[in-house]
Amino acid sequence: MRYWHHGPHGGMPWLLPGLTFLVVVLLLAVLAAVLWRVSARRSAGGAPAPRWGSPPGPVRHGEAERLLAERLARGEVEVEEYRRRLAALRGEPAGDGPGPGAPPGAPGKN
């Protein structure tokens, strides 16, 4: 009856099974995250999923330009601010961008 209370390992028989359980749960969580990411990529037609913090793609530029033009029309932004933001959307330097309402391929003002 010497080890009836703590067992033959000195009172911590839960340590090894507890750590093993924790490692297995973490591995299962990582596996589930990887499988979820792979299935999301496949459901998107094989295209790579966007990275976190990446800028929006070119698909949304038309909508962003439209919203910016609406804000100018409502008077929420000044003309200089509109030009600066439009140039930023199009990836151009702020001072060399086309004027408001110019088509995307128009040369800049000089």
C-alpha atoms as a PDB file:
ATOM      1  CA  MET A   1       0.000   0.000   0.000  1.00  0.00           C
ATOM      2  CA  ARG A   2       2.984   2.231  -0.367  1.00  0.00           C
ATOM      3  CA  TYR A   3       1.891   4.003  -3.617  1.00  0.00           C
ATOM      4  CA  TRP A   4      -1.852   3.944  -3.180  1.00  0.00           C
ATOM      5  CA  HIS A   5      -2.255   7.766  -3.235  1.00  0.00           C
ATOM      6  CA  HIS A   6       0.280   9.127  -5.770  1.00  0.00           C
ATOM      7  CA  GLY A   7       1.245   6.101  -7.810  1.00  0.00           C
ATOM      8  CA  PRO A   8       4.766   4.843  -8.507  1.00  0.00           C
ATOM      9  CA  HIS A   9       5.849   8.103 -10.269  1.00  0.00           C
ATOM     10  CA  GLY A  10       5.801  10.367  -7.262  1.00  0.00           C
ATOM     11  CA  GLY A  11       2.509  12.199  -7.579  1.00  0.00           C
ATOM     12  CA  MET A  12       2.504  13.473 -11.190  1.00  0.00           C
ATOM     13  CA  PRO A  13       1.052  10.661 -13.284  1.00  0.00           C
ATOM     14  CA  TRP A  14      -0.932  13.229 -15.360  1.00  0.00           C
ATOM     15  CA  LEU A  15       2.132  15.105 -16.698  1.00  0.00           C
ATOM     16  CA  LEU A  16       3.111  12.888 -19.645  1.00  0.00           C
ATOM     17  CA  PRO A  17      -0.444  12.083 -20.796  1.00  0.00           C
ATOM     18  CA  GLY A  18      -1.439  15.723 -20.359  1.00  0.00           C
ATOM     19  CA  LEU A  19       1.435  16.997 -22.492  1.00  0.00           C
ATOM     20  CA  THR A  20       0.823  14.297 -25.080  1.00  0.00           C
ATOM     21  CA  PHE A  21      -2.835  15.294 -25.301  1.00  0.00           C
ATOM     22  CA  LEU A  22      -1.875  18.957 -25.727  1.00  0.00           C
ATOM     23  CA  VAL A  23       0.582  18.163 -28.535  1.00  0.00           C
ATOM     24  CA  VAL A  24      -1.971  15.985 -30.350  1.00  0.00           C
ATOM     25  CA  VAL A  25      -4.662  18.689 -30.102  1.00  0.00           C
ATOM     26  CA  LEU A  26      -2.260  21.327 -31.466  1.00  0.00           C
ATOM     27  CA  LEU A  27      -1.253  19.056 -34.351  1.00  0.00           C
ATOM     28  CA  LEU A  28      -4.906  18.432 -35.204  1.00  0.00           C
ATOM     29  CA  ALA A  29      -5.605  22.177 -35.158  1.00  0.00           C
ATOM     30  CA  VAL A  30      -2.682  22.860 -37.510  1.00  0.00           C
ATOM     31  CA  LEU A  31      -3.803  20.048 -39.811  1.00  0.00           C
ATOM     32  CA  ALA A  32      -7.364  21.420 -39.883  1.00  0.00           C
ATOM     33  CA  ALA A  33      -6.077  24.925 -40.712  1.00  0.00           C
ATOM     34  CA  VAL A  34      -3.917  23.613 -43.559  1.00  0.00           C
ATOM     35  CA  LEU A  35      -6.753  21.544 -45.004  1.00  0.00           C
ATOM     36  CA  TRP A  36      -9.130  24.505 -44.764  1.00  0.00           C
ATOM     37  CA  ARG A  37      -6.638  26.758 -46.574  1.00  0.00           C
ATOM     38  CA  VAL A  38      -6.064  24.173 -49.323  1.00  0.00           C
ATOM     39  CA  SER A  39      -9.800  23.601 -49.834  1.00  0.00           C
ATOM     40  CA  ALA A  40     -10.409  27.366 -49.978  1.00  0.00           C
ATOM     41  CA  ARG A  41      -7.722  27.689 -52.633  1.00  0.00           C
ATOM     42  CA  ARG A  42      -9.216  24.854 -54.687  1.00  0.00           C
ATOM     43  CA  SER A  43     -12.729  26.284 -54.469  1.00  0.00           C
ATOM     44  CA  ALA A  44     -11.383  29.594 -55.835  1.00  0.00           C
ATOM     45  CA  GLY A  45     -10.467  27.836 -59.076  1.00  0.00           C
ATOM     46  CA  GLY A  46      -6.852  27.166 -58.214  1.00  0.00           C
ATOM     47  CA  ALA A  47      -5.967  30.832 -57.900  1.00  0.00           C
ATOM     48  CA  PRO A  48      -3.807  31.665 -54.919  1.00  0.00           C
ATOM     49  CA  ALA A  49      -5.705  33.073 -51.976  1.00  0.00           C
ATOM     50  CA  PRO A  50      -4.949  36.731 -51.198  1.00  0.00           C
ATOM     51  CA  ARG A  51      -2.456  37.335 -48.423  1.00  0.00           C
ATOM     52  CA  TRP A  52      -3.560  39.163 -45.311  1.00  0.00           C
ATOM     53  CA  GLY A  53      -2.838  42.872 -45.545  1.00  0.00           C
ATOM     54  CA  SER A  54      -2.451  42.863 -49.324  1.00  0.00           C
ATOM     55  CA  PRO A  55      -3.967  45.745 -51.301  1.00  0.00           C
ATOM     56  CA  PRO A  56      -7.183  45.098 -53.203  1.00  0.00           C
ATOM     57  CA  GLY A  57      -6.794  43.726 -56.690  1.00  0.00           C
ATOM     58  CA  PRO A  58      -7.409  45.616 -59.926  1.00  0.00           C
ATOM     59  CA  VAL A  59     -10.983  44.316 -60.091  1.00  0.00           C
ATOM     60  CA  ARG A  60     -12.107  46.801 -57.436  1.00  0.00           C
ATOM     61  CA  HIS A  61     -10.330  49.864 -58.861  1.00  0.00           C
ATOM     62  CA  GLY A  62     -13.289  50.796 -61.049  1.00  0.00           C
ATOM     63  CA  GLU A  63     -15.628  50.731 -58.074  1.00  0.00           C
ATOM     64  CA  ALA A  64     -13.161  52.699 -55.946  1.00  0.00           C
ATOM     65  CA  GLU A  65     -12.788  55.361 -58.650  1.00  0.00           C
ATOM     66  CA  ARG A  66     -16.571  55.626 -58.931  1.00  0.00           C
ATOM     67  CA  LEU A  67     -16.945  56.077 -55.178  1.00  0.00           C
ATOM     68  CA  LEU A  68     -14.197  58.688 -55.158  1.00  0.00           C
ATOM     69  CA  ALA A  69     -15.920  60.588 -57.987  1.00  0.00           C
ATOM     70  CA  GLU A  70     -19.199  60.483 -56.029  1.00  0.00           C
ATOM     71  CA  ARG A  71     -17.451  61.913 -52.955  1.00  0.00           C
ATOM     72  CA  LEU A  72     -16.068  64.731 -55.113  1.00  0.00           C
ATOM     73  CA  ALA A  73     -19.524  65.411 -56.517  1.00  0.00           C
ATOM     74  CA  ARG A  74     -20.997  65.586 -52.999  1.00  0.00           C
ATOM     75  CA  GLY A  75     -18.233  67.957 -51.926  1.00  0.00           C
ATOM     76  CA  GLU A  76     -16.720  65.592 -49.364  1.00  0.00           C
ATOM     77  CA  VAL A  77     -13.235  65.915 -50.908  1.00  0.00           C
ATOM     78  CA  GLU A  78     -11.512  68.820 -52.634  1.00  0.00           C
ATOM     79  CA  VAL A  79     -10.248  68.598 -56.218  1.00  0.00           C
ATOM     80  CA  GLU A  80      -6.595  68.330 -55.140  1.00  0.00           C
ATOM     81  CA  GLU A  81      -7.456  65.522 -52.713  1.00  0.00           C
ATOM     82  CA  TYR A  82      -9.463  63.788 -55.446  1.00  0.00           C
ATOM     83  CA  ARG A  83      -6.529  63.962 -57.862  1.00  0.00           C
ATOM     84  CA  ARG A  84      -4.082  62.705 -55.242  1.00  0.00           C
ATOM     85  CA  ARG A  85      -6.305  59.765 -54.292  1.00  0.00           C
ATOM     86  CA  LEU A  86      -7.101  58.926 -57.911  1.00  0.00           C
ATOM     87  CA  ALA A  87      -3.380  58.868 -58.716  1.00  0.00           C
ATOM     88  CA  ALA A  88      -2.800  56.606 -55.721  1.00  0.00           C
ATOM     89  CA  LEU A  89      -5.529  54.221 -56.918  1.00  0.00           C
ATOM     90  CA  ARG A  90      -3.995  54.071 -60.360  1.00  0.00           C
ATOM     91  CA  GLY A  91      -0.470  53.673 -59.006  1.00  0.00           C
ATOM     92  CA  GLU A  92       0.799  56.966 -60.421  1.00  0.00           C
ATOM     93  CA  PRO A  93       2.804  59.732 -58.757  1.00  0.00           C
ATOM     94  CA  ALA A  94       0.476  62.293 -57.179  1.00  0.00           C
ATOM     95  CA  GLY A  95       1.612  65.326 -59.200  1.00  0.00           C
ATOM     96  CA  ASP A  96       1.714  63.706 -62.644  1.00  0.00           C
ATOM     97  CA  GLY A  97      -1.712  62.072 -62.731  1.00  0.00           C
ATOM     98  CA  PRO A  98      -4.456  63.010 -65.189  1.00  0.00           C
ATOM     99  CA  GLY A  99      -7.137  65.467 -64.245  1.00  0.00           C
ATOM    100  CA  PRO A 100     -10.513  64.476 -62.839  1.00  0.00           C
ATOM    101  CA  GLY A 101     -12.691  62.463 -65.179  1.00  0.00           C
ATOM    102  CA  ALA A 102      -9.829  61.582 -67.536  1.00  0.00           C
ATOM    103  CA  PRO A 103      -9.822  58.058 -68.971  1.00  0.00           C
ATOM    104  CA  PRO A 104      -7.364  55.591 -67.400  1.00  0.00           C
ATOM    105  CA  GLY A 105      -4.861  55.772 -70.288  1.00  0.00           C
ATOM    106  CA  ALA A 106      -4.811  59.588 -70.587  1.00  0.00           C
ATOM    107  CA  PRO A 107      -1.422  61.333 -70.357  1.00  0.00           C
ATOM    108  CA  GLY A 108      -0.652  63.299 -67.205  1.00  0.00           C
ATOM    109  CA  LYS A 109      -0.779  67.063 -66.904  1.00  0.00           C
ATOM    110  CA  ASN A 110       2.562  68.904 -67.284  1.00  0.00           C
END
